[in-house]
Amino acid sequence: RQAETSAVYSYNESRMAFERIWTDANYAELNRALSQIPL
């Protein structure tokens, strides 16, 4: 038994590992850069 979680969501390990690298900040920077170039 652990302390009751307050997290709304839970994910599998593959997603958590991916998001340790591809953080919201990294995605925001990527999208900013992509918006400046042709489709």
Full PDB file with SEQRES, HELIX, SHEET, SSBOND, CRYST1, ORIGX, SCALE, CONECT and MASTER records, all heavy atoms in Angstrom:
SEQRES   1 A   39  ARG GLN ALA GLU THR SER ALA VAL TYR SER TYR ASN GLU          
SEQRES   2 A   39  SER ARG MET ALA PHE GLU ARG ILE TRP THR ASP ALA ASN          
SEQRES   3 A   39  TYR ALA GLU LEU ASN ARG ALA LEU SER GLN ILE PRO LEU          
HELIX    1 AA1 GLU A   13  ILE A   21  1                                   9    
HELIX    2 AA2 ASP A   24  LEU A   34  1                                  11    
CRYST1    1.000    1.000    1.000  90.00  90.00  90.00 P 1           1          
ORIGX1      1.000000  0.000000  0.000000        0.00000                         
ORIGX2      0.000000  1.000000  0.000000        0.00000                         
ORIGX3      0.000000  0.000000  1.000000        0.00000                         
SCALE1      1.000000  0.000000  0.000000        0.00000                         
SCALE2      0.000000  1.000000  0.000000        0.00000                         
SCALE3      0.000000  0.000000  1.000000        0.00000                         
ATOM      1  N   ARG A   1       0.836  -1.195   0.000  1.00  0.00           N  
ATOM      2  CA  ARG A   1       0.000   0.000   0.000  1.00  0.00           C  
ATOM      3  C   ARG A   1       0.874   1.250   0.000  1.00  0.00           C  
ATOM      4  O   ARG A   1       1.815   1.378   0.774  1.00  0.00           O  
ATOM      5  CB  ARG A   1      -0.898   0.006   1.223  1.00  0.00           C  
ATOM      6  CG  ARG A   1      -1.900   1.131   1.288  1.00  0.00           C  
ATOM      7  CD  ARG A   1      -3.149   0.868   0.467  1.00  0.00           C  
ATOM      8  NE  ARG A   1      -3.890  -0.290   0.963  1.00  0.00           N  
ATOM      9  CZ  ARG A   1      -5.003  -0.737   0.407  1.00  0.00           C  
ATOM     10  NH1 ARG A   1      -5.487  -0.138  -0.672  1.00  0.00           N  
ATOM     11  NH2 ARG A   1      -5.615  -1.793   0.891  1.00  0.00           N  
ATOM     12  N   GLN A   2       0.558   2.158  -0.899  1.00  0.00           N  
ATOM     13  CA  GLN A   2       1.283   3.419  -0.972  1.00  0.00           C  
ATOM     14  C   GLN A   2       0.313   4.552  -0.690  1.00  0.00           C  
ATOM     15  O   GLN A   2      -0.898   4.359  -0.595  1.00  0.00           O  
ATOM     16  CB  GLN A   2       1.911   3.593  -2.365  1.00  0.00           C  
ATOM     17  CG  GLN A   2       2.915   2.493  -2.710  1.00  0.00           C  
ATOM     18  CD  GLN A   2       3.445   2.646  -4.120  1.00  0.00           C  
ATOM     19  OE1 GLN A   2       2.980   3.498  -4.879  1.00  0.00           O  
ATOM     20  NE2 GLN A   2       4.420   1.846  -4.478  1.00  0.00           N  
ATOM     21  N   ALA A   3       0.889   5.727  -0.574  1.00  0.00           N  
ATOM     22  CA  ALA A   3       0.031   6.886  -0.354  1.00  0.00           C  
ATOM     23  C   ALA A   3      -0.926   7.041  -1.537  1.00  0.00           C  
ATOM     24  O   ALA A   3      -0.557   6.803  -2.684  1.00  0.00           O  
ATOM     25  CB  ALA A   3       0.889   8.143  -0.199  1.00  0.00           C  
ATOM     26  N   GLU A   4      -2.151   7.424  -1.234  1.00  0.00           N  
ATOM     27  CA  GLU A   4      -3.159   7.553  -2.284  1.00  0.00           C  
ATOM     28  C   GLU A   4      -2.698   8.559  -3.328  1.00  0.00           C  
ATOM     29  O   GLU A   4      -2.256   9.657  -3.015  1.00  0.00           O  
ATOM     30  CB  GLU A   4      -4.488   8.000  -1.679  1.00  0.00           C  
ATOM     31  CG  GLU A   4      -5.628   8.028  -2.696  1.00  0.00           C  
ATOM     32  CD  GLU A   4      -6.952   8.322  -2.036  1.00  0.00           C  
ATOM     33  OE1 GLU A   4      -7.028   8.201  -0.797  1.00  0.00           O  
ATOM     34  OE2 GLU A   4      -7.892   8.681  -2.766  1.00  0.00           O  
ATOM     35  N   THR A   5      -2.787   8.167  -4.595  1.00  0.00           N  
ATOM     36  CA  THR A   5      -2.303   9.037  -5.659  1.00  0.00           C  
ATOM     37  C   THR A   5      -3.275  10.167  -5.930  1.00  0.00           C  
ATOM     38  O   THR A   5      -4.499  10.000  -5.848  1.00  0.00           O  
ATOM     39  CB  THR A   5      -2.081   8.236  -6.955  1.00  0.00           C  
ATOM     40  OG1 THR A   5      -1.628   9.144  -7.968  1.00  0.00           O  
ATOM     41  CG2 THR A   5      -3.364   7.563  -7.439  1.00  0.00           C  
ATOM     42  N   SER A   6      -2.720  11.327  -6.236  1.00  0.00           N  
ATOM     43  CA  SER A   6      -3.551  12.463  -6.624  1.00  0.00           C  
ATOM     44  C   SER A   6      -3.509  12.690  -8.125  1.00  0.00           C  
ATOM     45  O   SER A   6      -4.148  13.607  -8.638  1.00  0.00           O  
ATOM     46  CB  SER A   6      -3.071  13.731  -5.903  1.00  0.00           C  
ATOM     47  OG  SER A   6      -1.717  14.008  -6.251  1.00  0.00           O  
ATOM     48  N   ALA A   7      -2.744  11.860  -8.834  1.00  0.00           N  
ATOM     49  CA  ALA A   7      -2.603  12.023 -10.273  1.00  0.00           C  
ATOM     50  C   ALA A   7      -3.913  11.665 -10.978  1.00  0.00           C  
ATOM     51  O   ALA A   7      -4.540  10.652 -10.666  1.00  0.00           O  
ATOM     52  CB  ALA A   7      -1.463  11.160 -10.802  1.00  0.00           C  
ATOM     53  N   VAL A   8      -4.312  12.509 -11.914  1.00  0.00           N  
ATOM     54  CA  VAL A   8      -5.528  12.233 -12.672  1.00  0.00           C  
ATOM     55  C   VAL A   8      -5.291  11.075 -13.631  1.00  0.00           C  
ATOM     56  O   VAL A   8      -6.175  10.242 -13.849  1.00  0.00           O  
ATOM     57  CB  VAL A   8      -5.976  13.490 -13.438  1.00  0.00           C  
ATOM     58  CG1 VAL A   8      -7.214  13.198 -14.293  1.00  0.00           C  
ATOM     59  CG2 VAL A   8      -6.256  14.631 -12.472  1.00  0.00           C  
ATOM     60  N   TYR A   9      -4.079  11.003 -14.216  1.00  0.00           N  
ATOM     61  CA  TYR A   9      -3.781  10.008 -15.244  1.00  0.00           C  
ATOM     62  C   TYR A   9      -2.593   9.136 -14.841  1.00  0.00           C  
ATOM     63  O   TYR A   9      -1.744   9.535 -14.037  1.00  0.00           O  
ATOM     64  CB  TYR A   9      -3.437  10.697 -16.568  1.00  0.00           C  
ATOM     65  CG  TYR A   9      -4.417  11.749 -17.009  1.00  0.00           C  
ATOM     66  CD1 TYR A   9      -4.060  13.105 -17.032  1.00  0.00           C  
ATOM     67  CD2 TYR A   9      -5.704  11.404 -17.413  1.00  0.00           C  
ATOM     68  CE1 TYR A   9      -4.952  14.072 -17.450  1.00  0.00           C  
ATOM     69  CE2 TYR A   9      -6.609  12.375 -17.830  1.00  0.00           C  
ATOM     70  CZ  TYR A   9      -6.228  13.709 -17.839  1.00  0.00           C  
ATOM     71  OH  TYR A   9      -7.121  14.666 -18.247  1.00  0.00           O  
ATOM     72  N   SER A  10      -2.548   7.949 -15.437  1.00  0.00           N  
ATOM     73  CA  SER A  10      -1.382   7.083 -15.284  1.00  0.00           C  
ATOM     74  C   SER A  10      -1.082   6.447 -16.634  1.00  0.00           C  
ATOM     75  O   SER A  10      -1.991   6.136 -17.406  1.00  0.00           O  
ATOM     76  CB  SER A  10      -1.636   6.001 -14.226  1.00  0.00           C  
ATOM     77  OG  SER A  10      -2.823   5.274 -14.511  1.00  0.00           O  
ATOM     78  N   TYR A  11       0.211   6.237 -16.914  1.00  0.00           N  
ATOM     79  CA  TYR A  11       0.654   5.787 -18.226  1.00  0.00           C  
ATOM     80  C   TYR A  11       1.562   4.571 -18.107  1.00  0.00           C  
ATOM     81  O   TYR A  11       2.113   4.293 -17.033  1.00  0.00           O  
ATOM     82  CB  TYR A  11       1.401   6.914 -18.943  1.00  0.00           C  
ATOM     83  CG  TYR A  11       0.650   8.219 -18.986  1.00  0.00           C  
ATOM     84  CD1 TYR A  11       1.072   9.328 -18.239  1.00  0.00           C  
ATOM     85  CD2 TYR A  11      -0.499   8.350 -19.760  1.00  0.00           C  
ATOM     86  CE1 TYR A  11       0.383  10.525 -18.271  1.00  0.00           C  
ATOM     87  CE2 TYR A  11      -1.200   9.557 -19.801  1.00  0.00           C  
ATOM     88  CZ  TYR A  11      -0.757  10.637 -19.049  1.00  0.00           C  
ATOM     89  OH  TYR A  11      -1.448  11.817 -19.080  1.00  0.00           O  
ATOM     90  N   ASN A  12       1.757   3.880 -19.236  1.00  0.00           N  
ATOM     91  CA  ASN A  12       2.684   2.755 -19.204  1.00  0.00           C  
ATOM     92  C   ASN A  12       4.120   3.263 -19.285  1.00  0.00           C  
ATOM     93  O   ASN A  12       4.389   4.443 -19.572  1.00  0.00           O  
ATOM     94  CB  ASN A  12       2.370   1.739 -20.308  1.00  0.00           C  
ATOM     95  CG  ASN A  12       2.715   2.247 -21.706  1.00  0.00           C  
ATOM     96  OD1 ASN A  12       2.728   3.444 -21.961  1.00  0.00           O  
ATOM     97  ND2 ASN A  12       2.981   1.319 -22.613  1.00  0.00           N  
ATOM     98  N   GLU A  13       5.072   2.366 -19.035  1.00  0.00           N  
ATOM     99  CA  GLU A  13       6.474   2.759 -18.933  1.00  0.00           C  
ATOM    100  C   GLU A  13       7.000   3.332 -20.244  1.00  0.00           C  
ATOM    101  O   GLU A  13       7.821   4.267 -20.242  1.00  0.00           O  
ATOM    102  CB  GLU A  13       7.330   1.567 -18.501  1.00  0.00           C  
ATOM    103  CG  GLU A  13       8.822   1.865 -18.363  1.00  0.00           C  
ATOM    104  CD  GLU A  13       9.121   3.057 -17.458  1.00  0.00           C  
ATOM    105  OE1 GLU A  13       8.476   3.174 -16.388  1.00  0.00           O  
ATOM    106  OE2 GLU A  13       9.991   3.876 -17.829  1.00  0.00           O  
ATOM    107  N   SER A  14       6.544   2.811 -21.381  1.00  0.00           N  
ATOM    108  CA  SER A  14       7.030   3.318 -22.669  1.00  0.00           C  
ATOM    109  C   SER A  14       6.700   4.794 -22.835  1.00  0.00           C  
ATOM    110  O   SER A  14       7.531   5.578 -23.312  1.00  0.00           O  
ATOM    111  CB  SER A  14       6.413   2.517 -23.816  1.00  0.00           C  
ATOM    112  OG  SER A  14       6.871   1.194 -23.810  1.00  0.00           O  
ATOM    113  N   ARG A  15       5.511   5.169 -22.448  1.00  0.00           N  
ATOM    114  CA  ARG A  15       5.150   6.587 -22.572  1.00  0.00           C  
ATOM    115  C   ARG A  15       5.948   7.441 -21.595  1.00  0.00           C  
ATOM    116  O   ARG A  15       6.417   8.530 -21.958  1.00  0.00           O  
ATOM    117  CB  ARG A  15       3.652   6.783 -22.353  1.00  0.00           C  
ATOM    118  CG  ARG A  15       3.280   8.253 -22.282  1.00  0.00           C  
ATOM    119  CD  ARG A  15       1.841   8.547 -22.493  1.00  0.00           C  
ATOM    120  NE  ARG A  15       1.574   9.979 -22.294  1.00  0.00           N  
ATOM    121  CZ  ARG A  15       0.434  10.572 -22.575  1.00  0.00           C  
ATOM    122  NH1 ARG A  15      -0.573   9.875 -23.070  1.00  0.00           N  
ATOM    123  NH2 ARG A  15       0.271  11.875 -22.355  1.00  0.00           N  
ATOM    124  N   MET A  16       6.096   6.981 -20.373  1.00  0.00           N  
ATOM    125  CA  MET A  16       6.834   7.784 -19.395  1.00  0.00           C  
ATOM    126  C   MET A  16       8.281   7.966 -19.822  1.00  0.00           C  
ATOM    127  O   MET A  16       8.856   9.047 -19.674  1.00  0.00           O  
ATOM    128  CB  MET A  16       6.739   7.139 -18.015  1.00  0.00           C  
ATOM    129  CG  MET A  16       5.329   7.214 -17.422  1.00  0.00           C  
ATOM    130  SD  MET A  16       5.236   6.669 -15.695  1.00  0.00           S  
ATOM    131  CE  MET A  16       5.495   4.904 -15.869  1.00  0.00           C  
ATOM    132  N   ALA A  17       8.883   6.909 -20.391  1.00  0.00           N  
ATOM    133  CA  ALA A  17      10.260   7.010 -20.873  1.00  0.00           C  
ATOM    134  C   ALA A  17      10.355   7.993 -22.035  1.00  0.00           C  
ATOM    135  O   ALA A  17      11.296   8.799 -22.119  1.00  0.00           O  
ATOM    136  CB  ALA A  17      10.762   5.633 -21.300  1.00  0.00           C  
ATOM    137  N   PHE A  18       9.381   7.933 -22.944  1.00  0.00           N  
ATOM    138  CA  PHE A  18       9.378   8.850 -24.088  1.00  0.00           C  
ATOM    139  C   PHE A  18       9.265  10.292 -23.619  1.00  0.00           C  
ATOM    140  O   PHE A  18       9.989  11.180 -24.106  1.00  0.00           O  
ATOM    141  CB  PHE A  18       8.212   8.492 -25.013  1.00  0.00           C  
ATOM    142  CG  PHE A  18       8.035   9.445 -26.161  1.00  0.00           C  
ATOM    143  CD1 PHE A  18       8.876   9.400 -27.259  1.00  0.00           C  
ATOM    144  CD2 PHE A  18       7.009  10.393 -26.147  1.00  0.00           C  
ATOM    145  CE1 PHE A  18       8.718  10.281 -28.325  1.00  0.00           C  
ATOM    146  CE2 PHE A  18       6.839  11.268 -27.198  1.00  0.00           C  
ATOM    147  CZ  PHE A  18       7.698  11.214 -28.292  1.00  0.00           C  
ATOM    148  N   GLU A  19       8.401  10.559 -22.650  1.00  0.00           N  
ATOM    149  CA  GLU A  19       8.168  11.935 -22.214  1.00  0.00           C  
ATOM    150  C   GLU A  19       9.263  12.459 -21.291  1.00  0.00           C  
ATOM    151  O   GLU A  19       9.315  13.665 -21.044  1.00  0.00           O  
ATOM    152  CB  GLU A  19       6.794  12.047 -21.549  1.00  0.00           C  
ATOM    153  CG  GLU A  19       5.655  11.892 -22.559  1.00  0.00           C  
ATOM    154  CD  GLU A  19       4.286  12.134 -21.972  1.00  0.00           C  
ATOM    155  OE1 GLU A  19       4.120  11.896 -20.755  1.00  0.00           O  
ATOM    156  OE2 GLU A  19       3.379  12.544 -22.726  1.00  0.00           O  
ATOM    157  N   ARG A  20      10.132  11.583 -20.814  1.00  0.00           N  
ATOM    158  CA  ARG A  20      11.307  12.083 -20.098  1.00  0.00           C  
ATOM    159  C   ARG A  20      12.254  12.790 -21.061  1.00  0.00           C  
ATOM    160  O   ARG A  20      13.011  13.680 -20.651  1.00  0.00           O  
ATOM    161  CB  ARG A  20      12.012  10.936 -19.372  1.00  0.00           C  
ATOM    162  CG  ARG A  20      11.314  10.509 -18.079  1.00  0.00           C  
ATOM    163  CD  ARG A  20      12.179   9.595 -17.234  1.00  0.00           C  
ATOM    164  NE  ARG A  20      12.238   8.247 -17.769  1.00  0.00           N  
ATOM    165  CZ  ARG A  20      11.395   7.266 -17.444  1.00  0.00           C  
ATOM    166  NH1 ARG A  20      10.391   7.511 -16.594  1.00  0.00           N  
ATOM    167  NH2 ARG A  20      11.520   6.058 -17.952  1.00  0.00           N  
ATOM    168  N   ILE A  21      12.234  12.392 -22.305  1.00  0.00           N  
ATOM    169  CA  ILE A  21      13.048  13.050 -23.332  1.00  0.00           C  
ATOM    170  C   ILE A  21      12.236  14.130 -24.039  1.00  0.00           C  
ATOM    171  O   ILE A  21      12.654  15.283 -24.137  1.00  0.00           O  
ATOM    172  CB  ILE A  21      13.575  12.018 -24.352  1.00  0.00           C  
ATOM    173  CG1 ILE A  21      14.487  11.005 -23.670  1.00  0.00           C  
ATOM    174  CG2 ILE A  21      14.294  12.717 -25.505  1.00  0.00           C  
ATOM    175  CD1 ILE A  21      14.909   9.855 -24.565  1.00  0.00           C  
ATOM    176  N   TRP A  22      11.041  13.748 -24.508  1.00  0.00           N  
ATOM    177  CA  TRP A  22      10.217  14.676 -25.267  1.00  0.00           C  
ATOM    178  C   TRP A  22       9.219  15.357 -24.333  1.00  0.00           C  
ATOM    179  O   TRP A  22       8.052  15.022 -24.260  1.00  0.00           O  
ATOM    180  CB  TRP A  22       9.552  13.972 -26.442  1.00  0.00           C  
ATOM    181  CG  TRP A  22      10.534  13.884 -27.562  1.00  0.00           C  
ATOM    182  CD1 TRP A  22      11.292  12.820 -27.917  1.00  0.00           C  
ATOM    183  CD2 TRP A  22      10.918  14.966 -28.406  1.00  0.00           C  
ATOM    184  NE1 TRP A  22      12.135  13.155 -28.941  1.00  0.00           N  
ATOM    185  CE2 TRP A  22      11.925  14.465 -29.270  1.00  0.00           C  
ATOM    186  CE3 TRP A  22      10.521  16.293 -28.543  1.00  0.00           C  
ATOM    187  CZ2 TRP A  22      12.529  15.263 -30.245  1.00  0.00           C  
ATOM    188  CZ3 TRP A  22      11.126  17.091 -29.506  1.00  0.00           C  
ATOM    189  CH2 TRP A  22      12.116  16.573 -30.342  1.00  0.00           C  
ATOM    190  N   THR A  23       9.755  16.326 -23.611  1.00  0.00           N  
ATOM    191  CA  THR A  23       8.980  17.094 -22.646  1.00  0.00           C  
ATOM    192  C   THR A  23       8.079  18.096 -23.368  1.00  0.00           C  
ATOM    193  O   THR A  23       8.214  18.340 -24.572  1.00  0.00           O  
ATOM    194  CB  THR A  23       9.916  17.862 -21.713  1.00  0.00           C  
ATOM    195  OG1 THR A  23      10.689  18.772 -22.519  1.00  0.00           O  
ATOM    196  CG2 THR A  23      10.868  16.920 -20.984  1.00  0.00           C  
ATOM    197  N   ASP A  24       7.175  18.707 -22.627  1.00  0.00           N  
ATOM    198  CA  ASP A  24       6.328  19.749 -23.205  1.00  0.00           C  
ATOM    199  C   ASP A  24       7.172  20.892 -23.760  1.00  0.00           C  
ATOM    200  O   ASP A  24       6.853  21.469 -24.813  1.00  0.00           O  
ATOM    201  CB  ASP A  24       5.358  20.280 -22.162  1.00  0.00           C  
ATOM    202  CG  ASP A  24       4.258  19.286 -21.821  1.00  0.00           C  
ATOM    203  OD1 ASP A  24       4.016  18.362 -22.621  1.00  0.00           O  
ATOM    204  OD2 ASP A  24       3.633  19.435 -20.750  1.00  0.00           O  
ATOM    205  N   ALA A  25       8.246  21.242 -23.056  1.00  0.00           N  
ATOM    206  CA  ALA A  25       9.103  22.336 -23.516  1.00  0.00           C  
ATOM    207  C   ALA A  25       9.774  21.984 -24.843  1.00  0.00           C  
ATOM    208  O   ALA A  25       9.885  22.836 -25.740  1.00  0.00           O  
ATOM    209  CB  ALA A  25      10.155  22.655 -22.456  1.00  0.00           C  
ATOM    210  N   ASN A  26      10.229  20.748 -24.977  1.00  0.00           N  
ATOM    211  CA  ASN A  26      10.852  20.345 -26.233  1.00  0.00           C  
ATOM    212  C   ASN A  26       9.838  20.350 -27.379  1.00  0.00           C  
ATOM    213  O   ASN A  26      10.146  20.779 -28.494  1.00  0.00           O  
ATOM    214  CB  ASN A  26      11.482  18.960 -26.093  1.00  0.00           C  
ATOM    215  CG  ASN A  26      12.858  19.016 -25.468  1.00  0.00           C  
ATOM    216  OD1 ASN A  26      13.485  20.073 -25.419  1.00  0.00           O  
ATOM    217  ND2 ASN A  26      13.338  17.886 -24.964  1.00  0.00           N  
ATOM    218  N   TYR A  27       8.641  19.871 -27.112  1.00  0.00           N  
ATOM    219  CA  TYR A  27       7.615  19.882 -28.159  1.00  0.00           C  
ATOM    220  C   TYR A  27       7.230  21.316 -28.524  1.00  0.00           C  
ATOM    221  O   TYR A  27       6.999  21.630 -29.700  1.00  0.00           O  
ATOM    222  CB  TYR A  27       6.386  19.095 -27.715  1.00  0.00           C  
ATOM    223  CG  TYR A  27       6.320  17.717 -28.322  1.00  0.00           C  
ATOM    224  CD1 TYR A  27       6.511  16.580 -27.548  1.00  0.00           C  
ATOM    225  CD2 TYR A  27       6.080  17.541 -29.684  1.00  0.00           C  
ATOM    226  CE1 TYR A  27       6.461  15.307 -28.108  1.00  0.00           C  
ATOM    227  CE2 TYR A  27       6.024  16.282 -30.252  1.00  0.00           C  
ATOM    228  CZ  TYR A  27       6.218  15.167 -29.461  1.00  0.00           C  
ATOM    229  OH  TYR A  27       6.177  13.922 -30.026  1.00  0.00           O  
ATOM    230  N   ALA A  28       7.129  22.196 -27.544  1.00  0.00           N  
ATOM    231  CA  ALA A  28       6.780  23.586 -27.826  1.00  0.00           C  
ATOM    232  C   ALA A  28       7.830  24.231 -28.724  1.00  0.00           C  
ATOM    233  O   ALA A  28       7.501  24.962 -29.668  1.00  0.00           O  
ATOM    234  CB  ALA A  28       6.621  24.364 -26.526  1.00  0.00           C  
ATOM    235  N   GLU A  29       9.091  23.963 -28.436  1.00  0.00           N  
ATOM    236  CA  GLU A  29      10.174  24.515 -29.258  1.00  0.00           C  
ATOM    237  C   GLU A  29      10.141  23.931 -30.666  1.00  0.00           C  
ATOM    238  O   GLU A  29      10.339  24.646 -31.656  1.00  0.00           O  
ATOM    239  CB  GLU A  29      11.529  24.247 -28.598  1.00  0.00           C  
ATOM    240  CG  GLU A  29      12.715  24.852 -29.326  1.00  0.00           C  
ATOM    241  CD  GLU A  29      12.680  26.373 -29.355  1.00  0.00           C  
ATOM    242  OE1 GLU A  29      12.043  26.970 -28.459  1.00  0.00           O  
ATOM    243  OE2 GLU A  29      13.281  26.965 -30.276  1.00  0.00           O  
ATOM    244  N   LEU A  30       9.876  22.638 -30.768  1.00  0.00           N  
ATOM    245  CA  LEU A  30       9.796  21.999 -32.077  1.00  0.00           C  
ATOM    246  C   LEU A  30       8.645  22.585 -32.895  1.00  0.00           C  
ATOM    247  O   LEU A  30       8.815  22.914 -34.081  1.00  0.00           O  
ATOM    248  CB  LEU A  30       9.618  20.491 -31.912  1.00  0.00           C  
ATOM    249  CG  LEU A  30       9.431  19.683 -33.205  1.00  0.00           C  
ATOM    250  CD1 LEU A  30      10.655  19.805 -34.111  1.00  0.00           C  
ATOM    251  CD2 LEU A  30       9.151  18.213 -32.884  1.00  0.00           C  
ATOM    252  N   ASN A  31       7.479  22.723 -32.287  1.00  0.00           N  
ATOM    253  CA  ASN A  31       6.333  23.256 -33.019  1.00  0.00           C  
ATOM    254  C   ASN A  31       6.550  24.707 -33.432  1.00  0.00           C  
ATOM    255  O   ASN A  31       6.116  25.128 -34.515  1.00  0.00           O  
ATOM    256  CB  ASN A  31       5.064  23.131 -32.177  1.00  0.00           C  
ATOM    257  CG  ASN A  31       4.537  21.708 -32.126  1.00  0.00           C  
ATOM    258  OD1 ASN A  31       4.664  20.964 -33.078  1.00  0.00           O  
ATOM    259  ND2 ASN A  31       3.958  21.326 -30.995  1.00  0.00           N  
ATOM    260  N   ARG A  32       7.216  25.479 -32.585  1.00  0.00           N  
ATOM    261  CA  ARG A  32       7.530  26.862 -32.947  1.00  0.00           C  
ATOM    262  C   ARG A  32       8.408  26.895 -34.194  1.00  0.00           C  
ATOM    263  O   ARG A  32       8.171  27.673 -35.136  1.00  0.00           O  
ATOM    264  CB  ARG A  32       8.243  27.565 -31.785  1.00  0.00           C  
ATOM    265  CG  ARG A  32       8.541  29.041 -32.034  1.00  0.00           C  
ATOM    266  CD  ARG A  32       9.585  29.575 -31.069  1.00  0.00           C  
ATOM    267  NE  ARG A  32      10.875  28.919 -31.261  1.00  0.00           N  
ATOM    268  CZ  ARG A  32      11.725  29.222 -32.246  1.00  0.00           C  
ATOM    269  NH1 ARG A  32      11.411  30.156 -33.136  1.00  0.00           N  
ATOM    270  NH2 ARG A  32      12.872  28.601 -32.344  1.00  0.00           N  
ATOM    271  N   ALA A  33       9.412  26.021 -34.216  1.00  0.00           N  
ATOM    272  CA  ALA A  33      10.324  25.986 -35.362  1.00  0.00           C  
ATOM    273  C   ALA A  33       9.627  25.496 -36.627  1.00  0.00           C  
ATOM    274  O   ALA A  33       9.852  26.028 -37.722  1.00  0.00           O  
ATOM    275  CB  ALA A  33      11.516  25.092 -35.032  1.00  0.00           C  
ATOM    276  N   LEU A  34       8.784  24.488 -36.496  1.00  0.00           N  
ATOM    277  CA  LEU A  34       8.111  23.935 -37.675  1.00  0.00           C  
ATOM    278  C   LEU A  34       7.127  24.929 -38.276  1.00  0.00           C  
ATOM    279  O   LEU A  34       6.897  24.932 -39.493  1.00  0.00           O  
ATOM    280  CB  LEU A  34       7.386  22.637 -37.300  1.00  0.00           C  
ATOM    281  CG  LEU A  34       8.272  21.464 -36.875  1.00  0.00           C  
ATOM    282  CD1 LEU A  34       7.406  20.266 -36.477  1.00  0.00           C  
ATOM    283  CD2 LEU A  34       9.240  21.062 -37.981  1.00  0.00           C  
ATOM    284  N   SER A  35       6.519  25.763 -37.441  1.00  0.00           N  
ATOM    285  CA  SER A  35       5.535  26.723 -37.939  1.00  0.00           C  
ATOM    286  C   SER A  35       6.160  27.774 -38.844  1.00  0.00           C  
ATOM    287  O   SER A  35       5.440  28.481 -39.564  1.00  0.00           O  
ATOM    288  CB  SER A  35       4.828  27.406 -36.764  1.00  0.00           C  
ATOM    289  OG  SER A  35       5.727  28.259 -36.062  1.00  0.00           O  
ATOM    290  N   GLN A  36       7.475  27.893 -38.839  1.00  0.00           N  
ATOM    291  CA  GLN A  36       8.161  28.925 -39.605  1.00  0.00           C  
ATOM    292  C   GLN A  36       8.603  28.462 -40.992  1.00  0.00           C  
ATOM    293  O   GLN A  36       9.164  29.252 -41.754  1.00  0.00           O  
ATOM    294  CB  GLN A  36       9.386  29.423 -38.819  1.00  0.00           C  
ATOM    295  CG  GLN A  36       9.043  30.048 -37.485  1.00  0.00           C  
ATOM    296  CD  GLN A  36      10.277  30.399 -36.682  1.00  0.00           C  
ATOM    297  OE1 GLN A  36      11.389  30.366 -37.181  1.00  0.00           O  
ATOM    298  NE2 GLN A  36      10.076  30.763 -35.415  1.00  0.00           N  
ATOM    299  N   ILE A  37       8.360  27.197 -41.328  1.00  0.00           N  
ATOM    300  CA  ILE A  37       8.838  26.670 -42.610  1.00  0.00           C  
ATOM    301  C   ILE A  37       7.661  26.127 -43.419  1.00  0.00           C  
ATOM    302  O   ILE A  37       6.590  25.855 -42.865  1.00  0.00           O  
ATOM    303  CB  ILE A  37       9.903  25.568 -42.400  1.00  0.00           C  
ATOM    304  CG1 ILE A  37       9.347  24.426 -41.540  1.00  0.00           C  
ATOM    305  CG2 ILE A  37      11.164  26.157 -41.769  1.00  0.00           C  
ATOM    306  CD1 ILE A  37      10.326  23.275 -41.342  1.00  0.00           C  
ATOM    307  N   PRO A  38       7.822  25.971 -44.735  1.00  0.00           N  
ATOM    308  CA  PRO A  38       6.727  25.487 -45.577  1.00  0.00           C  
ATOM    309  C   PRO A  38       6.255  24.094 -45.176  1.00  0.00           C  
ATOM    310  O   PRO A  38       7.004  23.300 -44.587  1.00  0.00           O  
ATOM    311  CB  PRO A  38       7.335  25.486 -46.986  1.00  0.00           C  
ATOM    312  CG  PRO A  38       8.454  26.476 -46.927  1.00  0.00           C  
ATOM    313  CD  PRO A  38       9.005  26.372 -45.533  1.00  0.00           C  
ATOM    314  N   LEU A  39       5.006  23.791 -45.542  1.00  0.00           N  
ATOM    315  CA  LEU A  39       4.390  22.515 -45.176  1.00  0.00           C  
ATOM    316  C   LEU A  39       5.217  21.324 -45.611  1.00  0.00           C  
ATOM    317  O   LEU A  39       5.360  20.345 -44.873  1.00  0.00           O  
ATOM    318  CB  LEU A  39       2.998  22.413 -45.807  1.00  0.00           C  
ATOM    319  CG  LEU A  39       1.856  23.197 -45.165  1.00  0.00           C  
ATOM    320  CD1 LEU A  39       0.577  22.984 -45.954  1.00  0.00           C  
ATOM    321  CD2 LEU A  39       1.666  22.751 -43.725  1.00  0.00           C  
TER     322      LEU A  39                                                      
MASTER        0    0    0    2    0    0    0    6  321    1    0    3          
END                                                                             
